Amino acid sequence: GHETCEKRVVNVEEFGAIGDGVSDDTKAFISAWKEACSRPKSVFLVPKRSTYLVNATMFAGPCAGRLTVKIDGTIVAPSNPKHWNPKFGRIWLGFSNLTGVLFKGKGVIDGSGSKWWAASCKRNRTNVTY
C-alpha cells in the first residue's frame, strides 16, 4: 500500500458540533476524538470563530501515532457544575493515556472558573468527596 504523508483533519463540526456557545457539543467532540484517535497522523481540530460548550469529558488514549490536537476556537465549560461527570467530579477536560500528542492552536479554553470556585469543597462543605 502507498502510505500518504498527509495529516487527516478531523473537524468537530463534521461530527455535529454547533459552536454557538449554548448548544451541548460534547457528543460531537467525543465522536471526533474517537475518529482522530483511531487513525495515525490525525489532527483533532476545534475551528476558529466559534465557541463550543463541552461538558466534562475524558479524552483517553492510547491513540494511533502522531496525533495533533489543534484548538483554534473557544471551548467553554457548562455554567452549572451539576453537569460534570460524577465519576470525575474535579475534572472538566481530561486527557489521559496519551503519548507523543502535540497540542497547538491559538484558541481559548474557558473553564468558567468563578462558578466552580463557588461550588468547590473549600467554599462549599457539601461538595466534599471521600
C-alpha atoms as a PDB file:
ATOM      1  CA  GLY A   1       0.000   0.000   0.000  1.00  0.00           C
ATOM      2  CA  HIS A   2       1.025   3.574  -0.707  1.00  0.00           C
ATOM      3  CA  GLU A   3       1.491   5.468   2.572  1.00  0.00           C
ATOM      4  CA  THR A   4       0.481   9.124   2.425  1.00  0.00           C
ATOM      5  CA  CYS A   5       2.326  11.836   4.346  1.00  0.00           C
ATOM      6  CA  GLU A   6      -0.779  13.968   4.668  1.00  0.00           C
ATOM      7  CA  LYS A   7      -2.375  14.564   8.001  1.00  0.00           C
ATOM      8  CA  ARG A   8      -6.063  13.760   8.278  1.00  0.00           C
ATOM      9  CA  VAL A   9      -8.067  16.688   9.705  1.00  0.00           C
ATOM     10  CA  VAL A  10     -10.956  15.655  11.937  1.00  0.00           C
ATOM     11  CA  ASN A  11     -13.093  18.773  12.473  1.00  0.00           C
ATOM     12  CA  VAL A  12     -15.542  18.647  15.413  1.00  0.00           C
ATOM     13  CA  GLU A  13     -18.128  20.424  13.233  1.00  0.00           C
ATOM     14  CA  GLU A  14     -18.142  17.459  10.823  1.00  0.00           C
ATOM     15  CA  PHE A  15     -19.414  15.418  13.774  1.00  0.00           C
ATOM     16  CA  GLY A  16     -22.266  17.799  14.591  1.00  0.00           C
ATOM     17  CA  ALA A  17     -20.700  20.467  16.818  1.00  0.00           C
ATOM     18  CA  ILE A  18     -22.748  23.680  16.572  1.00  0.00           C
ATOM     19  CA  GLY A  19     -20.257  26.151  18.063  1.00  0.00           C
ATOM     20  CA  ASP A  20     -22.777  28.694  19.343  1.00  0.00           C
ATOM     21  CA  GLY A  21     -21.613  28.521  22.983  1.00  0.00           C
ATOM     22  CA  VAL A  22     -25.085  27.356  24.086  1.00  0.00           C
ATOM     23  CA  SER A  23     -25.735  24.007  22.380  1.00  0.00           C
ATOM     24  CA  ASP A  24     -24.066  20.998  24.024  1.00  0.00           C
ATOM     25  CA  ASP A  25     -21.268  19.926  21.684  1.00  0.00           C
ATOM     26  CA  THR A  26     -19.936  17.158  23.960  1.00  0.00           C
ATOM     27  CA  LYS A  27     -21.124  14.218  21.810  1.00  0.00           C
ATOM     28  CA  ALA A  28     -19.588  15.742  18.660  1.00  0.00           C
ATOM     29  CA  PHE A  29     -16.257  16.223  20.476  1.00  0.00           C
ATOM     30  CA  ILE A  30     -16.299  12.611  21.717  1.00  0.00           C
ATOM     31  CA  SER A  31     -17.134  11.240  18.236  1.00  0.00           C
ATOM     32  CA  ALA A  32     -14.453  13.377  16.572  1.00  0.00           C
ATOM     33  CA  TRP A  33     -11.933  12.305  19.235  1.00  0.00           C
ATOM     34  CA  LYS A  34     -12.651   8.602  18.631  1.00  0.00           C
ATOM     35  CA  GLU A  35     -12.136   9.093  14.892  1.00  0.00           C
ATOM     36  CA  ALA A  36      -8.931  11.151  15.260  1.00  0.00           C
ATOM     37  CA  CYS A  37      -7.528   8.849  17.934  1.00  0.00           C
ATOM     38  CA  SER A  38      -8.078   5.737  15.822  1.00  0.00           C
ATOM     39  CA  ARG A  39      -6.127   6.895  12.738  1.00  0.00           C
ATOM     40  CA  PRO A  40      -2.438   7.753  12.518  1.00  0.00           C
ATOM     41  CA  LYS A  41      -1.414  11.339  11.710  1.00  0.00           C
ATOM     42  CA  SER A  42      -4.807  12.827  12.553  1.00  0.00           C
ATOM     43  CA  VAL A  43      -5.490  16.424  13.571  1.00  0.00           C
ATOM     44  CA  PHE A  44      -8.338  16.849  16.084  1.00  0.00           C
ATOM     45  CA  LEU A  45      -9.492  20.343  15.063  1.00  0.00           C
ATOM     46  CA  VAL A  46     -11.543  22.840  17.061  1.00  0.00           C
ATOM     47  CA  PRO A  47     -12.061  25.528  14.393  1.00  0.00           C
ATOM     48  CA  LYS A  48     -11.719  29.271  14.973  1.00  0.00           C
ATOM     49  CA  ARG A  49     -14.519  31.851  15.190  1.00  0.00           C
ATOM     50  CA  SER A  50     -16.772  29.531  17.224  1.00  0.00           C
ATOM     51  CA  THR A  51     -17.424  28.775  20.906  1.00  0.00           C
ATOM     52  CA  TYR A  52     -18.115  25.169  21.836  1.00  0.00           C
ATOM     53  CA  LEU A  53     -19.921  24.217  25.041  1.00  0.00           C
ATOM     54  CA  VAL A  54     -18.427  20.930  26.239  1.00  0.00           C
ATOM     55  CA  ASN A  55     -19.426  19.088  29.408  1.00  0.00           C
ATOM     56  CA  ALA A  56     -16.957  17.083  31.475  1.00  0.00           C
ATOM     57  CA  THR A  57     -15.160  14.713  29.138  1.00  0.00           C
ATOM     58  CA  MET A  58     -12.210  12.325  29.347  1.00  0.00           C
ATOM     59  CA  PHE A  59     -10.200  12.160  26.135  1.00  0.00           C
ATOM     60  CA  ALA A  60      -8.405   8.868  26.577  1.00  0.00           C
ATOM     61  CA  GLY A  61      -5.759   7.016  24.592  1.00  0.00           C
ATOM     62  CA  PRO A  62      -3.875   5.145  23.595  1.00  0.00           C
ATOM     63  CA  CYS A  63      -4.230   6.686  20.140  1.00  0.00           C
ATOM     64  CA  ALA A  64      -2.716   5.833  16.790  1.00  0.00           C
ATOM     65  CA  GLY A  65       0.579   7.626  16.188  1.00  0.00           C
ATOM     66  CA  ARG A  66       1.302  11.309  15.636  1.00  0.00           C
ATOM     67  CA  LEU A  67      -1.990  12.816  16.849  1.00  0.00           C
ATOM     68  CA  THR A  68      -2.252  16.614  16.889  1.00  0.00           C
ATOM     69  CA  VAL A  69      -4.855  18.461  18.972  1.00  0.00           C
ATOM     70  CA  LYS A  70      -5.356  21.898  17.365  1.00  0.00           C
ATOM     71  CA  ILE A  71      -7.568  24.287  19.316  1.00  0.00           C
ATOM     72  CA  ASP A  72      -8.242  27.474  17.347  1.00  0.00           C
ATOM     73  CA  GLY A  73     -11.753  28.186  18.624  1.00  0.00           C
ATOM     74  CA  THR A  74     -13.041  28.551  22.177  1.00  0.00           C
ATOM     75  CA  ILE A  75     -14.066  25.631  24.385  1.00  0.00           C
ATOM     76  CA  VAL A  76     -16.261  26.720  27.294  1.00  0.00           C
ATOM     77  CA  ALA A  77     -17.361  24.799  30.395  1.00  0.00           C
ATOM     78  CA  PRO A  78     -21.043  24.478  31.298  1.00  0.00           C
ATOM     79  CA  SER A  79     -22.309  27.192  33.622  1.00  0.00           C
ATOM     80  CA  ASN A  80     -23.598  24.664  36.154  1.00  0.00           C
ATOM     81  CA  PRO A  81     -21.190  22.328  37.992  1.00  0.00           C
ATOM     82  CA  LYS A  82     -24.023  19.757  38.244  1.00  0.00           C
ATOM     83  CA  HIS A  83     -23.371  18.888  34.587  1.00  0.00           C
ATOM     84  CA  TRP A  84     -19.986  17.393  35.370  1.00  0.00           C
ATOM     85  CA  ASN A  85     -19.355  13.666  35.368  1.00  0.00           C
ATOM     86  CA  PRO A  86     -19.828  12.375  38.938  1.00  0.00           C
ATOM     87  CA  LYS A  87     -17.006   9.850  38.417  1.00  0.00           C
ATOM     88  CA  PHE A  88     -14.550  12.708  37.740  1.00  0.00           C
ATOM     89  CA  GLY A  89     -16.056  15.477  39.847  1.00  0.00           C
ATOM     90  CA  ARG A  90     -12.985  17.679  39.703  1.00  0.00           C
ATOM     91  CA  ILE A  91     -12.025  17.171  36.052  1.00  0.00           C
ATOM     92  CA  TRP A  92     -13.564  19.137  33.205  1.00  0.00           C
ATOM     93  CA  LEU A  93     -11.425  18.207  30.187  1.00  0.00           C
ATOM     94  CA  GLY A  94      -9.174  15.261  30.952  1.00  0.00           C
ATOM     95  CA  PHE A  95      -6.513  13.881  28.629  1.00  0.00           C
ATOM     96  CA  SER A  96      -5.131  10.506  29.669  1.00  0.00           C
ATOM     97  CA  ASN A  97      -3.025   7.601  28.448  1.00  0.00           C
ATOM     98  CA  LEU A  98      -1.559   9.619  25.551  1.00  0.00           C
ATOM     99  CA  THR A  99       1.989   9.504  24.187  1.00  0.00           C
ATOM    100  CA  GLY A 100       3.551  11.882  21.678  1.00  0.00           C
ATOM    101  CA  VAL A 101       0.456  14.043  21.217  1.00  0.00           C
ATOM    102  CA  LEU A 102       1.080  17.608  20.030  1.00  0.00           C
ATOM    103  CA  PHE A 103      -1.201  20.337  21.416  1.00  0.00           C
ATOM    104  CA  LYS A 104      -1.298  23.577  19.451  1.00  0.00           C
ATOM    105  CA  GLY A 105      -3.541  26.411  18.269  1.00  0.00           C
ATOM    106  CA  LYS A 106      -4.494  29.961  19.162  1.00  0.00           C
ATOM    107  CA  GLY A 107      -7.815  29.145  20.813  1.00  0.00           C
ATOM    108  CA  VAL A 108      -9.139  29.569  24.341  1.00  0.00           C
ATOM    109  CA  ILE A 109     -10.109  27.001  26.951  1.00  0.00           C
ATOM    110  CA  ASP A 110     -12.545  28.801  29.280  1.00  0.00           C
ATOM    111  CA  GLY A 111     -13.306  26.798  32.390  1.00  0.00           C
ATOM    112  CA  SER A 112     -15.879  29.318  33.723  1.00  0.00           C
ATOM    113  CA  GLY A 113     -13.780  29.230  36.886  1.00  0.00           C
ATOM    114  CA  SER A 114     -15.653  31.619  39.155  1.00  0.00           C
ATOM    115  CA  LYS A 115     -18.761  29.414  39.105  1.00  0.00           C
ATOM    116  CA  TRP A 116     -16.638  26.412  40.028  1.00  0.00           C
ATOM    117  CA  TRP A 117     -14.710  28.084  42.807  1.00  0.00           C
ATOM    118  CA  ALA A 118     -18.012  28.992  44.445  1.00  0.00           C
ATOM    119  CA  ALA A 119     -19.021  25.308  44.326  1.00  0.00           C
ATOM    120  CA  SER A 120     -15.655  23.931  45.421  1.00  0.00           C
ATOM    121  CA  CYS A 121     -15.215  21.976  48.637  1.00  0.00           C
ATOM    122  CA  LYS A 122     -13.111  24.808  50.115  1.00  0.00           C
ATOM    123  CA  ARG A 123     -16.115  27.150  49.964  1.00  0.00           C
ATOM    124  CA  ASN A 124     -18.974  24.685  49.938  1.00  0.00           C
ATOM    125  CA  ARG A 125     -18.687  21.948  52.548  1.00  0.00           C
ATOM    126  CA  THR A 126     -21.495  19.927  50.925  1.00  0.00           C
ATOM    127  CA  ASN A 127     -19.241  19.236  47.927  1.00  0.00           C
ATOM    128  CA  VAL A 128     -16.513  17.278  49.711  1.00  0.00           C
ATOM    129  CA  THR A 129     -15.717  13.902  48.146  1.00  0.00           C
ATOM    130  CA  TYR A 130     -14.182  10.977  50.046  1.00  0.00           C
END
